C-alpha cells in the first residue's frame, strides 16, 4: 500500500499499487513455518512426556509383578524356614545342655568312679559308714578292725581316676558298749579320710564342646550297680 505521512503526522493515501507482492507472501510463509515448527516442537515434547510416563508405568507394573512373585515365593517358603529356625534353635539348646551336662556331671562321675572302686577293693576289715561330696573334696567316715587297714584302704582309693591325694584327717579308737576304750589301743578304730580331686580334669571337661545329641556314657551308667558292694 502507498501511504505517506502528512505534516500533521497522519497517514494519507496517495494511490498506486504494490510493486513487490512477493514480500507479503514470504512473510506469510515465514509465519506459517514458525507456527509449524512450534507445533512440531510441542508435539515432540508431548510425545517425550507420554513416552516417559508410559515407561514408568511399564516399570511399575513389572516391579509390582516381581514383588507379588517374591511374596508368593516367600509365603511358600515360610513354613520350611520356620521349621529350619526351630530346628536350629533346638540344636543350639541341645548343645548348650550338653555342655552344661558335662560340667554338672563331673561330681557325679567322680562318685561313680569312687563307688566302682569301693565295690572292687578288698576292705581288709574297713567298713564305710558315711560319704560326703563337697566340691573338689570327698569326706569319708569309716571303721577298721586295726590301725593298718585305713592306710591300705586309702592307698587303693588313691588309684581312682581324678584323685589327686588321699589323707587321714582323724583316727581314734571306738568305744564298745559297756566298755571303755582299750588302753593298749587294740580293737576297732574309727577314722575320717579326705580325697582331694584334680580340678584340671573338670576344667578341661567344661571347656570341651560335646556334639549335640551325643550320649554321655558316664551319665547313663546305672548307679545301682556301682553302689552294690560299697560297704
C-alpha atoms as a PDB file:
ATOM      1  CA  UNK A   1       0.000   0.000   0.000  1.00  0.00           C
ATOM      2  CA  UNK A   2       1.212   3.556  -0.865  1.00  0.00           C
ATOM      3  CA  UNK A   3       0.851   5.606   2.309  1.00  0.00           C
ATOM      4  CA  UNK A   4       2.594   8.817   3.178  1.00  0.00           C
ATOM      5  CA  UNK A   5       2.774  10.707   6.430  1.00  0.00           C
ATOM      6  CA  UNK A   6       1.461  14.297   6.259  1.00  0.00           C
ATOM      7  CA  UNK A   7       2.831  17.264   8.165  1.00  0.00           C
ATOM      8  CA  UNK A   8       0.289  16.668  10.852  1.00  0.00           C
ATOM      9  CA  UNK A   9       1.538  13.089  11.377  1.00  0.00           C
ATOM     10  CA  UNK A  10      -1.431  11.354   9.748  1.00  0.00           C
ATOM     11  CA  UNK A  11      -1.131   8.753   7.048  1.00  0.00           C
ATOM     12  CA  UNK A  12      -2.501   9.846   3.615  1.00  0.00           C
ATOM     13  CA  UNK A  13      -3.405   7.522   0.753  1.00  0.00           C
ATOM     14  CA  UNK A  14      -1.606   8.582  -2.394  1.00  0.00           C
ATOM     15  CA  UNK A  15      -2.832   5.727  -4.632  1.00  0.00           C
ATOM     16  CA  UNK A  16      -0.784   3.262  -6.626  1.00  0.00           C
ATOM     17  CA  UNK A  17      -0.136  -0.439  -6.211  1.00  0.00           C
ATOM     18  CA  UNK A  18       2.428  -2.810  -4.582  1.00  0.00           C
ATOM     19  CA  UNK A  19       5.364  -3.378  -6.888  1.00  0.00           C
ATOM     20  CA  UNK A  20       6.810  -6.205  -4.638  1.00  0.00           C
ATOM     21  CA  UNK A  21       3.880  -8.512  -3.811  1.00  0.00           C
ATOM     22  CA  UNK A  22       6.233 -11.480  -3.008  1.00  0.00           C
ATOM     23  CA  UNK A  23       7.319  -9.866   0.247  1.00  0.00           C
ATOM     24  CA  UNK A  24       3.923 -10.329   1.829  1.00  0.00           C
ATOM     25  CA  UNK A  25       3.816 -13.891   0.511  1.00  0.00           C
ATOM     26  CA  UNK A  26       7.254 -14.632   2.044  1.00  0.00           C
ATOM     27  CA  UNK A  27       6.181 -13.116   5.336  1.00  0.00           C
ATOM     28  CA  UNK A  28       3.072 -15.294   5.450  1.00  0.00           C
ATOM     29  CA  UNK A  29       5.191 -18.346   4.620  1.00  0.00           C
ATOM     30  CA  UNK A  30       7.672 -17.490   7.365  1.00  0.00           C
ATOM     31  CA  UNK A  31       4.852 -17.118   9.884  1.00  0.00           C
ATOM     32  CA  UNK A  32       3.356 -20.445   8.842  1.00  0.00           C
ATOM     33  CA  UNK A  33       6.795 -22.092   9.045  1.00  0.00           C
ATOM     34  CA  UNK A  34       7.393 -20.759  12.570  1.00  0.00           C
ATOM     35  CA  UNK A  35       3.929 -21.886  13.609  1.00  0.00           C
ATOM     36  CA  UNK A  36       4.606 -25.355  12.185  1.00  0.00           C
ATOM     37  CA  UNK A  37       7.953 -25.529  13.980  1.00  0.00           C
ATOM     38  CA  UNK A  38       6.380 -24.512  17.273  1.00  0.00           C
ATOM     39  CA  UNK A  39       3.596 -27.017  16.808  1.00  0.00           C
ATOM     40  CA  UNK A  40       6.132 -29.776  15.944  1.00  0.00           C
ATOM     41  CA  UNK A  41       8.237 -28.951  18.997  1.00  0.00           C
ATOM     42  CA  UNK A  42       5.134 -29.049  21.198  1.00  0.00           C
ATOM     43  CA  UNK A  43       4.110 -32.403  19.732  1.00  0.00           C
ATOM     44  CA  UNK A  44       7.644 -33.791  20.236  1.00  0.00           C
ATOM     45  CA  UNK A  45       7.604 -32.607  23.847  1.00  0.00           C
ATOM     46  CA  UNK A  46       4.232 -34.200  24.475  1.00  0.00           C
ATOM     47  CA  UNK A  47       5.394 -37.417  22.830  1.00  0.00           C
ATOM     48  CA  UNK A  48       8.519 -37.451  25.045  1.00  0.00           C
ATOM     49  CA  UNK A  49       6.402 -36.870  28.159  1.00  0.00           C
ATOM     50  CA  UNK A  50       3.993 -39.628  27.162  1.00  0.00           C
ATOM     51  CA  UNK A  51       6.912 -41.960  26.459  1.00  0.00           C
ATOM     52  CA  UNK A  52       8.434 -41.308  29.900  1.00  0.00           C
ATOM     53  CA  UNK A  53       5.078 -41.738  31.624  1.00  0.00           C
ATOM     54  CA  UNK A  54       4.448 -44.952  29.702  1.00  0.00           C
ATOM     55  CA  UNK A  55       7.903 -46.316  30.545  1.00  0.00           C
ATOM     56  CA  UNK A  56       7.402 -45.512  34.209  1.00  0.00           C
ATOM     57  CA  UNK A  57       4.021 -47.215  34.172  1.00  0.00           C
ATOM     58  CA  UNK A  58       5.550 -50.262  32.495  1.00  0.00           C
ATOM     59  CA  UNK A  59       8.369 -50.397  35.043  1.00  0.00           C
ATOM     60  CA  UNK A  60       5.870 -50.012  37.890  1.00  0.00           C
ATOM     61  CA  UNK A  61       3.818 -52.907  36.575  1.00  0.00           C
ATOM     62  CA  UNK A  62       6.958 -55.035  36.158  1.00  0.00           C
ATOM     63  CA  UNK A  63       8.201 -54.241  39.666  1.00  0.00           C
ATOM     64  CA  UNK A  64       4.762 -54.971  41.148  1.00  0.00           C
ATOM     65  CA  UNK A  65       4.689 -58.299  39.326  1.00  0.00           C
ATOM     66  CA  UNK A  66       8.137 -59.188  40.679  1.00  0.00           C
ATOM     67  CA  UNK A  67       7.091 -58.157  44.178  1.00  0.00           C
ATOM     68  CA  UNK A  68       3.967 -60.293  44.028  1.00  0.00           C
ATOM     69  CA  UNK A  69       6.006 -63.229  42.742  1.00  0.00           C
ATOM     70  CA  UNK A  70       8.566 -62.793  45.520  1.00  0.00           C
ATOM     71  CA  UNK A  71       5.852 -62.551  48.161  1.00  0.00           C
ATOM     72  CA  UNK A  72       4.276 -65.742  46.880  1.00  0.00           C
ATOM     73  CA  UNK A  73       7.652 -67.500  46.949  1.00  0.00           C
ATOM     74  CA  UNK A  74       8.323 -66.298  50.499  1.00  0.00           C
ATOM     75  CA  UNK A  75       4.854 -67.369  51.572  1.00  0.00           C
ATOM     76  CA  UNK A  76       5.531 -70.804  50.101  1.00  0.00           C
ATOM     77  CA  UNK A  77       8.875 -70.995  51.932  1.00  0.00           C
ATOM     78  CA  UNK A  78       7.546 -69.574  55.215  1.00  0.00           C
ATOM     79  CA  UNK A  79       6.768 -72.976  56.722  1.00  0.00           C
ATOM     80  CA  UNK A  80      10.144 -74.581  55.786  1.00  0.00           C
ATOM     81  CA  UNK A  81      12.012 -71.511  57.028  1.00  0.00           C
ATOM     82  CA  UNK A  82      10.123 -71.544  60.318  1.00  0.00           C
ATOM     83  CA  UNK A  83      10.840 -75.269  60.695  1.00  0.00           C
ATOM     84  CA  UNK A  84      14.529 -74.693  59.931  1.00  0.00           C
ATOM     85  CA  UNK A  85      14.692 -71.892  62.507  1.00  0.00           C
ATOM     86  CA  UNK A  86      13.012 -74.108  65.096  1.00  0.00           C
ATOM     87  CA  UNK A  87      15.385 -76.995  64.386  1.00  0.00           C
ATOM     88  CA  UNK A  88      18.392 -74.673  64.584  1.00  0.00           C
ATOM     89  CA  UNK A  89      17.157 -73.306  67.910  1.00  0.00           C
ATOM     90  CA  UNK A  90      16.598 -76.826  69.232  1.00  0.00           C
ATOM     91  CA  UNK A  91      20.108 -77.834  68.108  1.00  0.00           C
ATOM     92  CA  UNK A  92      21.608 -74.827  69.897  1.00  0.00           C
ATOM     93  CA  UNK A  93      19.658 -75.627  73.037  1.00  0.00           C
ATOM     94  CA  UNK A  94      20.805 -79.264  72.926  1.00  0.00           C
ATOM     95  CA  UNK A  95      24.396 -78.131  72.503  1.00  0.00           C
ATOM     96  CA  UNK A  96      24.111 -75.791  75.499  1.00  0.00           C
ATOM     97  CA  UNK A  97      22.501 -78.505  77.591  1.00  0.00           C
ATOM     98  CA  UNK A  98      25.206 -80.984  76.592  1.00  0.00           C
ATOM     99  CA  UNK A  99      27.987 -78.587  77.580  1.00  0.00           C
ATOM    100  CA  UNK A 100      26.211 -77.844  80.859  1.00  0.00           C
ATOM    101  CA  UNK A 101      25.650 -81.544  81.463  1.00  0.00           C
ATOM    102  CA  UNK A 102      29.367 -82.211  81.065  1.00  0.00           C
ATOM    103  CA  UNK A 103      30.130 -79.536  83.664  1.00  0.00           C
ATOM    104  CA  UNK A 104      27.433 -80.696  86.088  1.00  0.00           C
ATOM    105  CA  UNK A 105      28.174 -84.395  85.706  1.00  0.00           C
ATOM    106  CA  UNK A 106      31.803 -84.060  86.837  1.00  0.00           C
ATOM    107  CA  UNK A 107      30.985 -84.621  90.569  1.00  0.00           C
ATOM    108  CA  UNK A 108      28.660 -87.485  89.662  1.00  0.00           C
ATOM    109  CA  UNK A 109      31.375 -89.043  87.510  1.00  0.00           C
ATOM    110  CA  UNK A 110      33.779 -88.847  90.438  1.00  0.00           C
ATOM    111  CA  UNK A 111      31.305 -90.523  92.778  1.00  0.00           C
ATOM    112  CA  UNK A 112      30.565 -93.266  90.258  1.00  0.00           C
ATOM    113  CA  UNK A 113      34.272 -93.966  89.822  1.00  0.00           C
ATOM    114  CA  UNK A 114      34.699 -93.979  93.596  1.00  0.00           C
ATOM    115  CA  UNK A 115      31.747 -96.337  94.112  1.00  0.00           C
ATOM    116  CA  UNK A 116      33.064 -98.603  91.396  1.00  0.00           C
ATOM    117  CA  UNK A 117      36.450 -98.769  93.107  1.00  0.00           C
ATOM    118  CA  UNK A 118      34.839 -99.337  96.532  1.00  0.00           C
ATOM    119  CA  UNK A 119      32.883-102.252  95.123  1.00  0.00           C
ATOM    120  CA  UNK A 120      36.077-103.977  93.956  1.00  0.00           C
ATOM    121  CA  UNK A 121      38.756-103.133  96.540  1.00  0.00           C
ATOM    122  CA  UNK A 122      39.498-105.525  99.351  1.00  0.00           C
ATOM    123  CA  UNK A 123      38.227-103.908 102.531  1.00  0.00           C
ATOM    124  CA  UNK A 124      40.638-105.651 104.942  1.00  0.00           C
ATOM    125  CA  UNK A 125      38.177-105.061 107.775  1.00  0.00           C
ATOM    126  CA  UNK A 126      37.314-101.494 106.708  1.00  0.00           C
ATOM    127  CA  UNK A 127      33.604-100.595 106.658  1.00  0.00           C
ATOM    128  CA  UNK A 128      32.459 -97.326 105.121  1.00  0.00           C
ATOM    129  CA  UNK A 129      29.978 -95.515 107.373  1.00  0.00           C
ATOM    130  CA  UNK A 130      29.487 -92.148 105.714  1.00  0.00           C
ATOM    131  CA  UNK A 131      30.418 -90.350 102.496  1.00  0.00           C
ATOM    132  CA  UNK A 132      30.059 -86.653 101.727  1.00  0.00           C
ATOM    133  CA  UNK A 133      30.930 -84.854  98.489  1.00  0.00           C
ATOM    134  CA  UNK A 134      31.888 -81.175  98.763  1.00  0.00           C
ATOM    135  CA  UNK A 135      33.185 -79.518  95.607  1.00  0.00           C
ATOM    136  CA  UNK A 136      36.630 -80.912  94.890  1.00  0.00           C
ATOM    137  CA  UNK A 137      36.791 -82.926  98.114  1.00  0.00           C
ATOM    138  CA  UNK A 138      35.154 -86.108  99.344  1.00  0.00           C
ATOM    139  CA  UNK A 139      34.905 -86.786 103.085  1.00  0.00           C
ATOM    140  CA  UNK A 140      34.819 -90.429 104.187  1.00  0.00           C
ATOM    141  CA  UNK A 141      33.976 -91.798 107.623  1.00  0.00           C
ATOM    142  CA  UNK A 142      34.762 -95.486 108.177  1.00  0.00           C
ATOM    143  CA  UNK A 143      35.734 -98.040 110.806  1.00  0.00           C
ATOM    144  CA  UNK A 144      38.561-100.543 110.732  1.00  0.00           C
ATOM    145  CA  UNK A 145      39.446-103.544 112.833  1.00  0.00           C
ATOM    146  CA  UNK A 146      43.103-102.462 113.132  1.00  0.00           C
ATOM    147  CA  UNK A 147      45.204 -99.322 112.601  1.00  0.00           C
ATOM    148  CA  UNK A 148      46.872-100.726 109.462  1.00  0.00           C
ATOM    149  CA  UNK A 149      43.630-101.112 107.488  1.00  0.00           C
ATOM    150  CA  UNK A 150      42.971 -97.381 106.832  1.00  0.00           C
ATOM    151  CA  UNK A 151      46.365 -96.829 105.212  1.00  0.00           C
ATOM    152  CA  UNK A 152      45.960 -99.798 102.862  1.00  0.00           C
ATOM    153  CA  UNK A 153      42.368 -98.844 102.085  1.00  0.00           C
ATOM    154  CA  UNK A 154      43.248 -95.245 101.236  1.00  0.00           C
ATOM    155  CA  UNK A 155      46.156 -96.413  99.107  1.00  0.00           C
ATOM    156  CA  UNK A 156      43.715 -98.323  96.938  1.00  0.00           C
ATOM    157  CA  UNK A 157      41.291 -95.383  96.796  1.00  0.00           C
ATOM    158  CA  UNK A 158      44.091 -93.071  95.656  1.00  0.00           C
ATOM    159  CA  UNK A 159      44.181 -95.014  92.375  1.00  0.00           C
ATOM    160  CA  UNK A 160      40.693 -93.762  91.443  1.00  0.00           C
ATOM    161  CA  UNK A 161      40.745 -91.656  88.292  1.00  0.00           C
ATOM    162  CA  UNK A 162      40.913 -87.955  89.144  1.00  0.00           C
ATOM    163  CA  UNK A 163      42.045 -88.369  92.769  1.00  0.00           C
ATOM    164  CA  UNK A 164      44.970 -86.043  93.458  1.00  0.00           C
ATOM    165  CA  UNK A 165      45.646 -87.053  97.052  1.00  0.00           C
ATOM    166  CA  UNK A 166      44.179 -89.054  99.926  1.00  0.00           C
ATOM    167  CA  UNK A 167      44.808 -88.428 103.602  1.00  0.00           C
ATOM    168  CA  UNK A 168      43.549 -89.480 107.028  1.00  0.00           C
ATOM    169  CA  UNK A 169      42.100 -86.481 108.857  1.00  0.00           C
ATOM    170  CA  UNK A 170      41.205 -88.161 112.166  1.00  0.00           C
ATOM    171  CA  UNK A 171      41.714 -91.552 113.748  1.00  0.00           C
ATOM    172  CA  UNK A 172      40.558 -92.717 117.181  1.00  0.00           C
ATOM    173  CA  UNK A 173      39.526 -95.992 118.850  1.00  0.00           C
ATOM    174  CA  UNK A 174      35.869 -96.939 119.010  1.00  0.00           C
ATOM    175  CA  UNK A 175      34.406 -97.292 122.496  1.00  0.00           C
ATOM    176  CA  UNK A 176      32.441-100.533 122.783  1.00  0.00           C
ATOM    177  CA  UNK A 177      29.084-100.642 124.504  1.00  0.00           C
ATOM    178  CA  UNK A 178      29.562-101.052 128.245  1.00  0.00           C
ATOM    179  CA  UNK A 179      33.371-100.902 127.941  1.00  0.00           C
ATOM    180  CA  UNK A 180      35.820 -98.051 127.785  1.00  0.00           C
ATOM    181  CA  UNK A 181      38.489 -97.509 125.217  1.00  0.00           C
ATOM    182  CA  UNK A 182      41.262-100.042 125.466  1.00  0.00           C
ATOM    183  CA  UNK A 183      44.424 -98.581 126.940  1.00  0.00           C
ATOM    184  CA  UNK A 184      46.633-100.537 124.557  1.00  0.00           C
ATOM    185  CA  UNK A 185      44.810 -99.056 121.531  1.00  0.00           C
ATOM    186  CA  UNK A 186      43.918-102.509 120.190  1.00  0.00           C
ATOM    187  CA  UNK A 187      40.451-103.096 118.760  1.00  0.00           C
ATOM    188  CA  UNK A 188      38.312-101.361 116.153  1.00  0.00           C
ATOM    189  CA  UNK A 189      39.050 -97.760 115.286  1.00  0.00           C
ATOM    190  CA  UNK A 190      37.107 -95.050 113.569  1.00  0.00           C
ATOM    191  CA  UNK A 191      38.830 -92.723 111.128  1.00  0.00           C
ATOM    192  CA  UNK A 192      37.951 -89.819 108.851  1.00  0.00           C
ATOM    193  CA  UNK A 193      39.618 -89.559 105.452  1.00  0.00           C
ATOM    194  CA  UNK A 194      39.639 -86.961 102.691  1.00  0.00           C
ATOM    195  CA  UNK A 195      40.009 -87.426  98.955  1.00  0.00           C
ATOM    196  CA  UNK A 196      41.178 -84.367  97.019  1.00  0.00           C
ATOM    197  CA  UNK A 197      40.176 -84.343  93.361  1.00  0.00           C
ATOM    198  CA  UNK A 198      42.129 -82.873  90.483  1.00  0.00           C
ATOM    199  CA  UNK A 199      40.461 -79.662  89.247  1.00  0.00           C
ATOM    200  CA  UNK A 200      42.265 -79.670  85.915  1.00  0.00           C
ATOM    201  CA  UNK A 201      40.244 -82.591  84.530  1.00  0.00           C
ATOM    202  CA  UNK A 202      36.949 -80.881  85.349  1.00  0.00           C
ATOM    203  CA  UNK A 203      38.035 -77.620  83.734  1.00  0.00           C
ATOM    204  CA  UNK A 204      39.070 -79.469  80.595  1.00  0.00           C
ATOM    205  CA  UNK A 205      35.710 -81.224  80.503  1.00  0.00           C
ATOM    206  CA  UNK A 206      33.897 -77.913  80.810  1.00  0.00           C
ATOM    207  CA  UNK A 207      35.947 -76.367  78.022  1.00  0.00           C
ATOM    208  CA  UNK A 208      35.367 -79.292  75.685  1.00  0.00           C
ATOM    209  CA  UNK A 209      32.352 -78.997  73.407  1.00  0.00           C
ATOM    210  CA  UNK A 210      30.142 -82.013  73.246  1.00  0.00           C
ATOM    211  CA  UNK A 211      28.395 -82.592  69.861  1.00  0.00           C
ATOM    212  CA  UNK A 212      24.616 -82.209  70.127  1.00  0.00           C
ATOM    213  CA  UNK A 213      22.785 -85.476  70.644  1.00  0.00           C
ATOM    214  CA  UNK A 214      25.861 -87.494  71.630  1.00  0.00           C
ATOM    215  CA  UNK A 215      25.061 -89.772  74.589  1.00  0.00           C
ATOM    216  CA  UNK A 216      27.116 -89.334  77.731  1.00  0.00           C
ATOM    217  CA  UNK A 217      28.138 -92.839  78.738  1.00  0.00           C
ATOM    218  CA  UNK A 218      29.051 -91.792  82.235  1.00  0.00           C
ATOM    219  CA  UNK A 219      25.733 -90.062  82.894  1.00  0.00           C
ATOM    220  CA  UNK A 220      23.851 -93.141  81.661  1.00  0.00           C
ATOM    221  CA  UNK A 221      25.782 -95.506  83.894  1.00  0.00           C
ATOM    222  CA  UNK A 222      23.467 -97.327  86.339  1.00  0.00           C
ATOM    223  CA  UNK A 223      24.083 -96.115  89.878  1.00  0.00           C
ATOM    224  CA  UNK A 224      22.591 -99.197  91.485  1.00  0.00           C
ATOM    225  CA  UNK A 225      25.300-101.499  90.102  1.00  0.00           C
ATOM    226  CA  UNK A 226      28.015 -99.142  91.299  1.00  0.00           C
ATOM    227  CA  UNK A 227      26.586 -98.870  94.801  1.00  0.00           C
ATOM    228  CA  UNK A 228      26.350-102.638  95.149  1.00  0.00           C
ATOM    229  CA  UNK A 229      29.078-103.890  97.463  1.00  0.00           C
ATOM    230  CA  UNK A 230      30.326-100.461  98.537  1.00  0.00           C
ATOM    231  CA  UNK A 231      30.280-101.495 102.150  1.00  0.00           C
END
